[in-house]
Amino acid sequence: MPTNPELEGEVLTKSDEEPKEPDEYVILLLNDDFTTMEFVVTVIMTVFHKPLPEATRIMLDVHKRGKGTVGVYSYDIAVTKINQVHLLARQNGFPLKCTMEKA
């Protein structure tokens, strides 16, 4: 491949492009008839690092409204947290579901 001697040693950049912020995703816990409220609070505190009062409020949203928002994260972090929730739920015999939607 021929090279341009005038550009040798130069760094080529596209100056007209601004860095783009990564997309964000809302993580939702979904209600079911089997997972205990206590377990949902524990998951919220463990996986999402929420204090007890906030975890309790989110759990009540899940219970009363059918779903509750636990956080907004980049794609990779959201997928990791969802996998952690599902793993903890299965290990404890609960069918707790967690999903994400673009923010």
C-alpha atoms as a PDB file:
ATOM      1  CA  MET A   1       0.000   0.000   0.000  1.00  0.00           C
ATOM      2  CA  PRO A   2       1.631   3.298  -1.023  1.00  0.00           C
ATOM      3  CA  THR A   3       2.038   5.984   1.611  1.00  0.00           C
ATOM      4  CA  ASN A   4       1.994   9.737   1.244  1.00  0.00           C
ATOM      5  CA  PRO A   5       5.411  11.088   2.293  1.00  0.00           C
ATOM      6  CA  GLU A   6       3.858  14.436   3.258  1.00  0.00           C
ATOM      7  CA  LEU A   7       1.741  12.702   5.944  1.00  0.00           C
ATOM      8  CA  GLU A   8       4.449  10.413   7.318  1.00  0.00           C
ATOM      9  CA  GLY A   9       4.558  10.614  11.104  1.00  0.00           C
ATOM     10  CA  GLU A  10       1.310  12.616  11.291  1.00  0.00           C
ATOM     11  CA  VAL A  11      -1.732  11.495  13.267  1.00  0.00           C
ATOM     12  CA  LEU A  12      -4.867  11.503  11.164  1.00  0.00           C
ATOM     13  CA  THR A  13      -8.013  12.613  12.971  1.00  0.00           C
ATOM     14  CA  LYS A  14     -11.465  13.692  11.979  1.00  0.00           C
ATOM     15  CA  SER A  15     -11.853  17.051  13.651  1.00  0.00           C
ATOM     16  CA  ASP A  16     -15.517  17.504  12.750  1.00  0.00           C
ATOM     17  CA  GLU A  17     -16.708  14.595  14.923  1.00  0.00           C
ATOM     18  CA  GLU A  18     -17.534  15.164  18.566  1.00  0.00           C
ATOM     19  CA  PRO A  19     -17.225  12.236  21.002  1.00  0.00           C
ATOM     20  CA  LYS A  20     -20.668  10.737  21.556  1.00  0.00           C
ATOM     21  CA  GLU A  21     -21.980   9.882  25.007  1.00  0.00           C
ATOM     22  CA  PRO A  22     -22.919   6.200  25.354  1.00  0.00           C
ATOM     23  CA  ASP A  23     -26.608   5.327  25.307  1.00  0.00           C
ATOM     24  CA  GLU A  24     -28.200   4.836  28.708  1.00  0.00           C
ATOM     25  CA  TYR A  25     -30.647   2.146  29.753  1.00  0.00           C
ATOM     26  CA  VAL A  26     -33.253   2.087  32.516  1.00  0.00           C
ATOM     27  CA  ILE A  27     -33.269  -1.143  34.536  1.00  0.00           C
ATOM     28  CA  LEU A  28     -36.678  -2.337  35.711  1.00  0.00           C
ATOM     29  CA  LEU A  29     -37.618  -5.035  38.208  1.00  0.00           C
ATOM     30  CA  LEU A  30     -40.871  -6.802  37.348  1.00  0.00           C
ATOM     31  CA  ASN A  31     -43.452  -8.035  39.823  1.00  0.00           C
ATOM     32  CA  ASP A  32     -44.379 -11.696  40.223  1.00  0.00           C
ATOM     33  CA  ASP A  33     -46.529 -13.638  42.683  1.00  0.00           C
ATOM     34  CA  PHE A  34     -43.702 -15.675  44.231  1.00  0.00           C
ATOM     35  CA  THR A  35     -40.661 -13.513  44.984  1.00  0.00           C
ATOM     36  CA  THR A  36     -40.798 -12.155  48.521  1.00  0.00           C
ATOM     37  CA  MET A  37     -40.655  -8.438  49.235  1.00  0.00           C
ATOM     38  CA  GLU A  38     -37.698  -9.014  51.554  1.00  0.00           C
ATOM     39  CA  PHE A  39     -35.726 -10.714  48.784  1.00  0.00           C
ATOM     40  CA  VAL A  40     -36.466  -7.873  46.347  1.00  0.00           C
ATOM     41  CA  VAL A  41     -35.180  -5.338  48.900  1.00  0.00           C
ATOM     42  CA  THR A  42     -32.048  -7.446  49.436  1.00  0.00           C
ATOM     43  CA  VAL A  43     -31.394  -7.631  45.677  1.00  0.00           C
ATOM     44  CA  ILE A  44     -31.838  -3.877  45.263  1.00  0.00           C
ATOM     45  CA  MET A  45     -29.447  -3.168  48.125  1.00  0.00           C
ATOM     46  CA  THR A  46     -26.888  -5.778  47.008  1.00  0.00           C
ATOM     47  CA  VAL A  47     -26.811  -5.351  43.232  1.00  0.00           C
ATOM     48  CA  PHE A  48     -27.750  -1.680  42.920  1.00  0.00           C
ATOM     49  CA  HIS A  49     -26.206  -0.413  46.197  1.00  0.00           C
ATOM     50  CA  LYS A  50     -29.342   1.448  47.293  1.00  0.00           C
ATOM     51  CA  PRO A  51     -29.917   2.311  50.975  1.00  0.00           C
ATOM     52  CA  LEU A  52     -32.762   0.526  52.784  1.00  0.00           C
ATOM     53  CA  PRO A  53     -35.352   3.356  52.536  1.00  0.00           C
ATOM     54  CA  GLU A  54     -34.827   3.723  48.775  1.00  0.00           C
ATOM     55  CA  ALA A  55     -34.753  -0.057  48.239  1.00  0.00           C
ATOM     56  CA  THR A  56     -38.038  -0.342  50.138  1.00  0.00           C
ATOM     57  CA  ARG A  57     -39.630   2.407  48.028  1.00  0.00           C
ATOM     58  CA  ILE A  58     -38.530   0.701  44.806  1.00  0.00           C
ATOM     59  CA  MET A  59     -39.819  -2.656  46.063  1.00  0.00           C
ATOM     60  CA  LEU A  60     -43.211  -1.075  46.790  1.00  0.00           C
ATOM     61  CA  ASP A  61     -43.285   0.343  43.237  1.00  0.00           C
ATOM     62  CA  VAL A  62     -42.623  -3.164  41.921  1.00  0.00           C
ATOM     63  CA  HIS A  63     -45.336  -4.600  44.162  1.00  0.00           C
ATOM     64  CA  LYS A  64     -48.021  -1.962  43.549  1.00  0.00           C
ATOM     65  CA  ARG A  65     -47.322  -0.869  39.961  1.00  0.00           C
ATOM     66  CA  GLY A  66     -45.977  -4.096  38.505  1.00  0.00           C
ATOM     67  CA  LYS A  67     -42.491  -2.713  37.915  1.00  0.00           C
ATOM     68  CA  GLY A  68     -39.961  -0.417  39.492  1.00  0.00           C
ATOM     69  CA  THR A  69     -36.947   1.507  38.201  1.00  0.00           C
ATOM     70  CA  VAL A  70     -33.720   0.625  39.976  1.00  0.00           C
ATOM     71  CA  GLY A  71     -31.267   2.694  37.971  1.00  0.00           C
ATOM     72  CA  VAL A  72     -29.955   4.063  34.696  1.00  0.00           C
ATOM     73  CA  TYR A  73     -26.702   2.646  33.332  1.00  0.00           C
ATOM     74  CA  SER A  74     -24.664   2.226  30.171  1.00  0.00           C
ATOM     75  CA  TYR A  75     -25.441  -0.902  28.147  1.00  0.00           C
ATOM     76  CA  ASP A  76     -22.632  -3.131  29.471  1.00  0.00           C
ATOM     77  CA  ILE A  77     -23.250  -2.234  33.098  1.00  0.00           C
ATOM     78  CA  ALA A  78     -27.012  -2.710  32.689  1.00  0.00           C
ATOM     79  CA  VAL A  79     -26.555  -6.183  31.180  1.00  0.00           C
ATOM     80  CA  THR A  80     -24.159  -7.161  33.974  1.00  0.00           C
ATOM     81  CA  LYS A  81     -26.557  -6.005  36.702  1.00  0.00           C
ATOM     82  CA  ILE A  82     -29.504  -7.808  35.074  1.00  0.00           C
ATOM     83  CA  ASN A  83     -27.461 -11.010  34.955  1.00  0.00           C
ATOM     84  CA  GLN A  84     -26.549 -10.585  38.633  1.00  0.00           C
ATOM     85  CA  VAL A  85     -30.238 -10.165  39.561  1.00  0.00           C
ATOM     86  CA  HIS A  86     -31.263 -13.264  37.599  1.00  0.00           C
ATOM     87  CA  LEU A  87     -28.414 -15.335  39.076  1.00  0.00           C
ATOM     88  CA  LEU A  88     -29.283 -14.328  42.660  1.00  0.00           C
ATOM     89  CA  ALA A  89     -32.972 -15.024  42.046  1.00  0.00           C
ATOM     90  CA  ARG A  90     -32.324 -18.497  40.609  1.00  0.00           C
ATOM     91  CA  GLN A  91     -29.877 -19.369  43.396  1.00  0.00           C
ATOM     92  CA  ASN A  92     -32.607 -18.519  45.910  1.00  0.00           C
ATOM     93  CA  GLY A  93     -35.443 -20.231  44.036  1.00  0.00           C
ATOM     94  CA  PHE A  94     -37.291 -17.085  42.926  1.00  0.00           C
ATOM     95  CA  PRO A  95     -38.577 -16.221  39.431  1.00  0.00           C
ATOM     96  CA  LEU A  96     -37.704 -12.514  39.763  1.00  0.00           C
ATOM     97  CA  LYS A  97     -37.338 -10.860  36.359  1.00  0.00           C
ATOM     98  CA  CYS A  98     -35.328  -7.801  35.492  1.00  0.00           C
ATOM     99  CA  THR A  99     -35.256  -5.984  32.149  1.00  0.00           C
ATOM    100  CA  MET A 100     -33.948  -2.816  30.554  1.00  0.00           C
ATOM    101  CA  GLU A 101     -35.193  -0.206  28.099  1.00  0.00           C
ATOM    102  CA  LYS A 102     -33.391   2.601  26.376  1.00  0.00           C
ATOM    103  CA  ALA A 103     -33.587   5.776  28.466  1.00  0.00           C
END
